[in-house]
Structure formats: C-alpha cells, structure tokens
N, C-alpha and C. Protein backbone atom coordinates (compact mmCIF):
# COMPACT_ATOMS: atom_id res chain seq x y z
N LYS A 1 88.82 92.84 91.63
CA LYS A 1 90.83 93.47 91.20
C LYS A 1 90.04 95.04 90.85
N LYS A 2 90.38 96.12 91.93
CA LYS A 2 90.31 97.18 91.02
C LYS A 2 89.76 97.59 89.92
N LYS A 3 90.07 97.02 88.56
CA LYS A 3 89.82 97.13 87.98
C LYS A 3 88.23 96.37 87.48
N GLY A 4 87.66 95.35 88.28
CA GLY A 4 86.43 94.92 88.06
C GLY A 4 86.84 93.22 87.08
N GLY A 5 88.43 93.07 86.91
CA GLY A 5 88.96 92.09 86.36
C GLY A 5 89.38 90.52 87.80
N LEU A 6 89.37 88.93 87.63
CA LEU A 6 89.15 88.50 88.03
C LEU A 6 90.29 87.65 88.45
N GLU A 7 91.39 87.34 89.26
CA GLU A 7 92.15 86.62 89.63
C GLU A 7 92.29 86.03 90.15
N ALA A 8 92.61 84.42 90.09
CA ALA A 8 92.91 83.52 91.26
C ALA A 8 93.12 84.08 92.39
N PHE A 9 93.24 82.75 93.14
CA PHE A 9 93.12 83.25 94.50
C PHE A 9 94.66 83.03 94.38
N SER A 10 96.00 83.85 95.45
CA SER A 10 96.62 82.96 95.42
C SER A 10 97.82 83.94 97.12
N ARG A 11 97.96 82.51 97.01
CA ARG A 11 98.37 82.27 98.79
C ARG A 11 99.10 82.69 98.82
N PRO A 12 100.19 82.51 98.27
CA PRO A 12 101.52 83.57 98.08
C PRO A 12 101.52 84.99 98.41
N LYS A 13 100.83 85.56 97.71
CA LYS A 13 99.85 87.00 97.63
C LYS A 13 100.01 87.58 98.99
N LEU A 14 99.42 86.53 99.48
CA LEU A 14 98.24 86.08 100.60
C LEU A 14 99.23 86.24 102.14
N PHE A 15 100.33 85.40 101.62
CA PHE A 15 101.05 84.99 103.08
C PHE A 15 102.53 86.56 102.91
N ILE A 16 102.68 87.04 101.84
CA ILE A 16 103.80 87.70 101.62
C ILE A 16 103.22 88.99 102.41
N SER A 17 101.95 89.18 102.11
CA SER A 17 101.38 90.81 101.90
C SER A 17 101.54 90.61 104.11
N ILE A 18 100.32 89.23 104.79
CA ILE A 18 99.94 89.24 106.40
C ILE A 18 102.02 89.26 106.73
N TYR A 19 102.97 88.58 106.35
CA TYR A 19 104.32 88.66 106.62
C TYR A 19 105.37 90.47 106.88
N GLU A 20 104.68 90.80 105.96
CA GLU A 20 105.27 92.09 105.55
C GLU A 20 104.64 92.86 106.99
N ALA A 21 103.19 92.12 107.52
CA ALA A 21 102.81 92.89 108.61
C ALA A 21 103.58 92.88 109.83
N CYS A 22 103.12 91.62 109.71
CA CYS A 22 103.80 90.71 111.12
C CYS A 22 105.50 91.11 111.04
N ASN A 23 106.30 92.45 110.63
CA ASN A 23 107.48 92.70 111.25
C ASN A 23 107.86 92.74 112.18
N LYS A 24 107.08 92.70 113.54
CA LYS A 24 107.64 92.78 114.58
C LYS A 24 107.06 91.30 115.80
N VAL A 25 106.72 89.76 115.06
CA VAL A 25 105.93 89.79 115.41
C VAL A 25 107.34 88.14 115.27
N LYS A 26 107.80 87.77 116.95
CA LYS A 26 108.52 86.48 116.77
C LYS A 26 107.86 85.21 115.99
N ASN A 27 108.60 84.74 115.88
CA ASN A 27 108.22 83.19 114.70
C ASN A 27 107.76 84.03 113.38
N ARG A 28 107.94 84.65 112.94
CA ARG A 28 108.09 85.69 111.89
C ARG A 28 107.09 84.39 110.98
N SER A 29 107.35 83.46 110.38
CA SER A 29 107.32 83.01 109.28
C SER A 29 106.27 81.78 109.72
N GLU A 30 106.11 81.03 111.13
CA GLU A 30 105.45 80.73 111.47
C GLU A 30 103.64 80.64 111.81
N ALA A 31 104.37 82.11 112.30
CA ALA A 31 103.23 82.86 112.90
C ALA A 31 102.09 83.42 110.92
N SER A 32 103.13 83.40 109.75
CA SER A 32 102.15 84.14 109.24
C SER A 32 101.59 82.68 108.57
N ASP A 33 102.44 81.72 108.34
CA ASP A 33 101.69 80.68 107.57
C ASP A 33 100.27 80.39 108.14
N ALA A 34 100.66 80.43 109.99
CA ALA A 34 99.52 79.74 111.00
C ALA A 34 98.35 80.90 110.35
N LEU A 35 98.08 82.14 110.51
CA LEU A 35 97.76 83.59 109.81
C LEU A 35 97.39 83.14 108.28
N CYS A 36 97.65 82.74 107.58
CA CYS A 36 97.63 82.63 106.47
C CYS A 36 96.76 80.99 106.41
N GLU A 37 96.38 80.37 106.96
CA GLU A 37 95.81 79.26 106.96
C GLU A 37 93.94 79.70 108.45
N THR A 38 94.17 80.40 108.98
CA THR A 38 93.23 80.67 109.10
C THR A 38 92.08 81.90 109.15
N VAL A 39 92.65 82.77 107.96
CA VAL A 39 92.18 83.85 107.13
C VAL A 39 91.48 82.64 105.59
N GLU A 40 92.34 81.77 105.38
CA GLU A 40 92.16 80.52 104.33
C GLU A 40 90.55 80.11 105.05
N ALA A 41 90.68 79.61 105.83
CA ALA A 41 89.73 79.32 106.38
C ALA A 41 88.13 80.06 106.77
N LYS A 42 88.43 81.17 106.97
CA LYS A 42 87.64 82.34 107.07
C LYS A 42 87.47 82.41 106.53
N LEU A 43 87.25 82.48 104.75
CA LEU A 43 87.59 83.46 103.51
C LEU A 43 86.68 81.36 103.16
N LEU A 44 86.43 80.21 103.63
CA LEU A 44 85.81 79.09 103.69
C LEU A 44 84.84 79.50 103.99
N MET A 45 84.68 79.78 104.74
CA MET A 45 83.17 80.17 105.38
C MET A 45 82.09 80.81 105.22
N LEU A 46 82.72 81.67 104.15
CA LEU A 46 82.28 82.60 103.72
C LEU A 46 81.16 81.85 102.65
N GLU A 47 81.40 81.07 101.81
CA GLU A 47 80.35 80.32 101.27
C GLU A 47 79.80 80.83 100.01
N ARG A 48 80.89 81.35 99.15
CA ARG A 48 81.01 82.13 98.13
C ARG A 48 81.57 81.97 97.67
N HIS A 49 80.97 81.98 96.17
CA HIS A 49 81.84 81.40 94.33
C HIS A 49 83.08 82.53 94.25
N THR A 50 82.31 83.17 94.09
CA THR A 50 84.06 84.98 94.41
C THR A 50 84.24 85.39 95.31
N ILE A 51 84.66 85.97 95.74
CA ILE A 51 85.99 85.90 97.27
C ILE A 51 86.65 87.57 96.48
N THR A 52 86.02 88.64 96.50
CA THR A 52 86.67 90.60 96.72
C THR A 52 87.91 89.85 96.90
N SER A 53 89.08 90.90 96.80
CA SER A 53 89.97 91.62 97.70
C SER A 53 89.70 92.29 98.54
N GLU A 54 89.10 92.78 98.43
CA GLU A 54 88.31 94.00 99.61
C GLU A 54 87.69 92.96 101.14
N ASN A 55 86.98 91.72 100.09
CA ASN A 55 86.69 90.36 101.65
C ASN A 55 88.14 90.01 101.96
N ILE A 56 88.74 89.02 101.51
CA ILE A 56 90.17 89.71 101.53
C ILE A 56 89.95 90.09 103.02
N ALA A 57 90.65 91.14 102.38
CA ALA A 57 91.32 92.50 102.96
C ALA A 57 90.47 93.18 104.62
N GLU A 58 89.92 92.47 104.42
CA GLU A 58 89.02 92.60 106.16
C GLU A 58 88.92 91.42 106.87
N VAL A 59 88.65 90.50 106.25
CA VAL A 59 89.49 89.27 106.89
C VAL A 59 91.05 88.67 107.44
N VAL A 60 92.13 89.59 106.83
CA VAL A 60 92.37 89.77 106.95
C VAL A 60 92.80 90.51 108.59
N LEU A 61 92.03 91.86 107.93
CA LEU A 61 91.93 92.87 109.25
C LEU A 61 91.92 92.37 110.12
N ASP A 62 90.68 91.17 110.34
CA ASP A 62 89.99 90.87 111.42
C ASP A 62 90.46 90.35 111.69
N THR A 63 91.51 89.19 111.63
CA THR A 63 91.79 87.84 112.06
C THR A 63 93.23 88.68 113.07
N LEU A 64 94.10 89.91 111.96
CA LEU A 64 95.04 91.02 112.68
C LEU A 64 95.20 91.43 114.19
N LYS A 65 93.56 91.65 113.46
CA LYS A 65 93.58 92.81 115.01
C LYS A 65 93.53 92.06 116.41
N HIS A 66 92.93 90.54 115.90
CA HIS A 66 92.53 89.65 117.41
C HIS A 66 93.89 89.17 118.32
N PHE A 67 94.88 89.26 117.13
CA PHE A 67 95.81 88.40 116.71
C PHE A 67 97.94 89.59 117.73
N HIS A 68 97.53 90.57 116.42
CA HIS A 68 98.71 91.04 116.94
C HIS A 68 98.23 93.04 116.53
N THR A 69 98.32 93.75 117.59
CA THR A 69 97.79 94.81 117.12
C THR A 69 98.32 95.75 116.33
N GLY A 70 99.99 95.46 116.00
CA GLY A 70 101.16 96.63 115.67
C GLY A 70 100.51 96.03 114.04
N SER A 71 100.82 95.21 114.03
CA SER A 71 100.31 93.94 112.75
C SER A 71 99.53 94.67 111.98
N PHE A 72 98.72 94.30 112.58
CA PHE A 72 97.31 95.41 112.14
C PHE A 72 97.05 96.28 112.18
N VAL A 73 97.50 97.10 112.52
CA VAL A 73 98.13 98.58 111.99
C VAL A 73 98.65 98.98 110.85
N ARG A 74 99.51 97.68 110.23
CA ARG A 74 100.43 97.50 109.15
C ARG A 74 100.32 97.58 108.46
N TYR A 75 99.06 96.53 108.29
CA TYR A 75 98.39 96.18 107.41
C TYR A 75 97.14 96.93 106.89
N LEU A 76 97.22 97.88 108.25
CA LEU A 76 96.03 98.79 107.70
C LEU A 76 95.95 100.19 106.41
N SER A 77 97.86 99.82 107.42
CA SER A 77 98.50 101.63 106.64
C SER A 77 98.26 101.47 105.58
N ASP A 78 99.29 99.95 104.78
CA ASP A 78 99.42 99.51 103.43
C ASP A 78 98.21 99.30 102.39
N ARG A 79 96.85 99.12 103.17
CA ARG A 79 95.72 99.53 102.41
C ARG A 79 95.88 101.41 101.20
N GLU A 80 95.98 100.44 100.01
CA GLU A 80 95.40 102.20 98.81
C GLU A 80 94.21 102.69 99.50
N ASP A 81 93.33 101.71 99.89
CA ASP A 81 91.96 102.63 99.26
C ASP A 81 92.00 103.37 100.42
N LEU A 82 92.67 103.33 101.70
CA LEU A 82 92.65 104.55 102.79
C LEU A 82 93.69 105.82 102.77
N ALA A 83 92.79 106.69 102.26
CA ALA A 83 93.26 108.00 102.44
C ALA A 83 94.38 109.05 103.15
N SER A 84 92.68 108.93 104.08
CA SER A 84 93.23 109.51 104.64
C SER A 84 92.81 108.85 106.20
N ALA A 85 93.77 110.34 107.01
CA ALA A 85 94.03 109.61 108.41
C ALA A 85 92.41 109.00 108.86
N LYS A 86 91.29 109.64 108.89
CA LYS A 86 90.08 109.66 108.71
C LYS A 86 89.85 108.41 109.15
N ASP A 87 90.43 108.05 107.37
CA ASP A 87 89.60 107.20 106.88
C ASP A 87 90.86 105.80 107.42
N LEU A 88 91.56 106.07 108.01
CA LEU A 88 92.74 105.23 109.29
C LEU A 88 91.67 105.20 110.91
N ARG A 89 91.54 105.93 111.27
CA ARG A 89 90.90 106.09 112.66
C ARG A 89 90.25 105.30 112.28
N ARG A 90 88.83 105.84 111.31
CA ARG A 90 87.69 104.36 111.21
C ARG A 90 87.45 103.21 111.64
N LYS A 91 88.77 102.87 111.15
CA LYS A 91 88.92 101.63 110.83
C LYS A 91 89.83 100.84 112.26
N LEU A 92 90.70 101.66 112.74
CA LEU A 92 90.83 100.65 114.37
C LEU A 92 89.89 101.22 115.37
C-alpha cells in the first residue's frame, strides 16, 4: 500500500480493475477472468513472499500491453502515480 501497510491480495479487486480497463473488449467478463488468471500465474512466478501493489500493476500492464492496446492505455491512465503526460508517454 502507499502508506506502507500490508493488505491481502484481492482477486475481486484485480478483476474489477482489469474489467474496467477492458470496456471495449468483446466477451469482457470472460476476457477479464482469463487475464486475472494470467496475472496471478505471473505473480506466483515471482516467488516472493510479499508482492507490492506496484508489482501487481506492472504485471497487469505487461499483460494488457500484449492483449489489447486500448485496455493497456485505460489501465495505465487510471494509475495515480502517473501524474503527468510525460510519465504516461514514458510507459507507452
């Protein structure tokens, strides 16, 4: 968390963030579920005891970037830590 506290991983929270980013994708619910499974598998491959929200966001971005450009951009633009257009361009 931003304030340094720990929070249990929430698949529903992950699903909602991906689902909202995939608003132009056909079969949005099924695609979001499959993307969640992919993200979870990639996170498990990190083999870390603690995974930060930043780690999760990076894996989601990497996954969306290869899946659907529009969803990638929507997810990226919703990130609070990208305060400027310069930050957004750098990620693209």
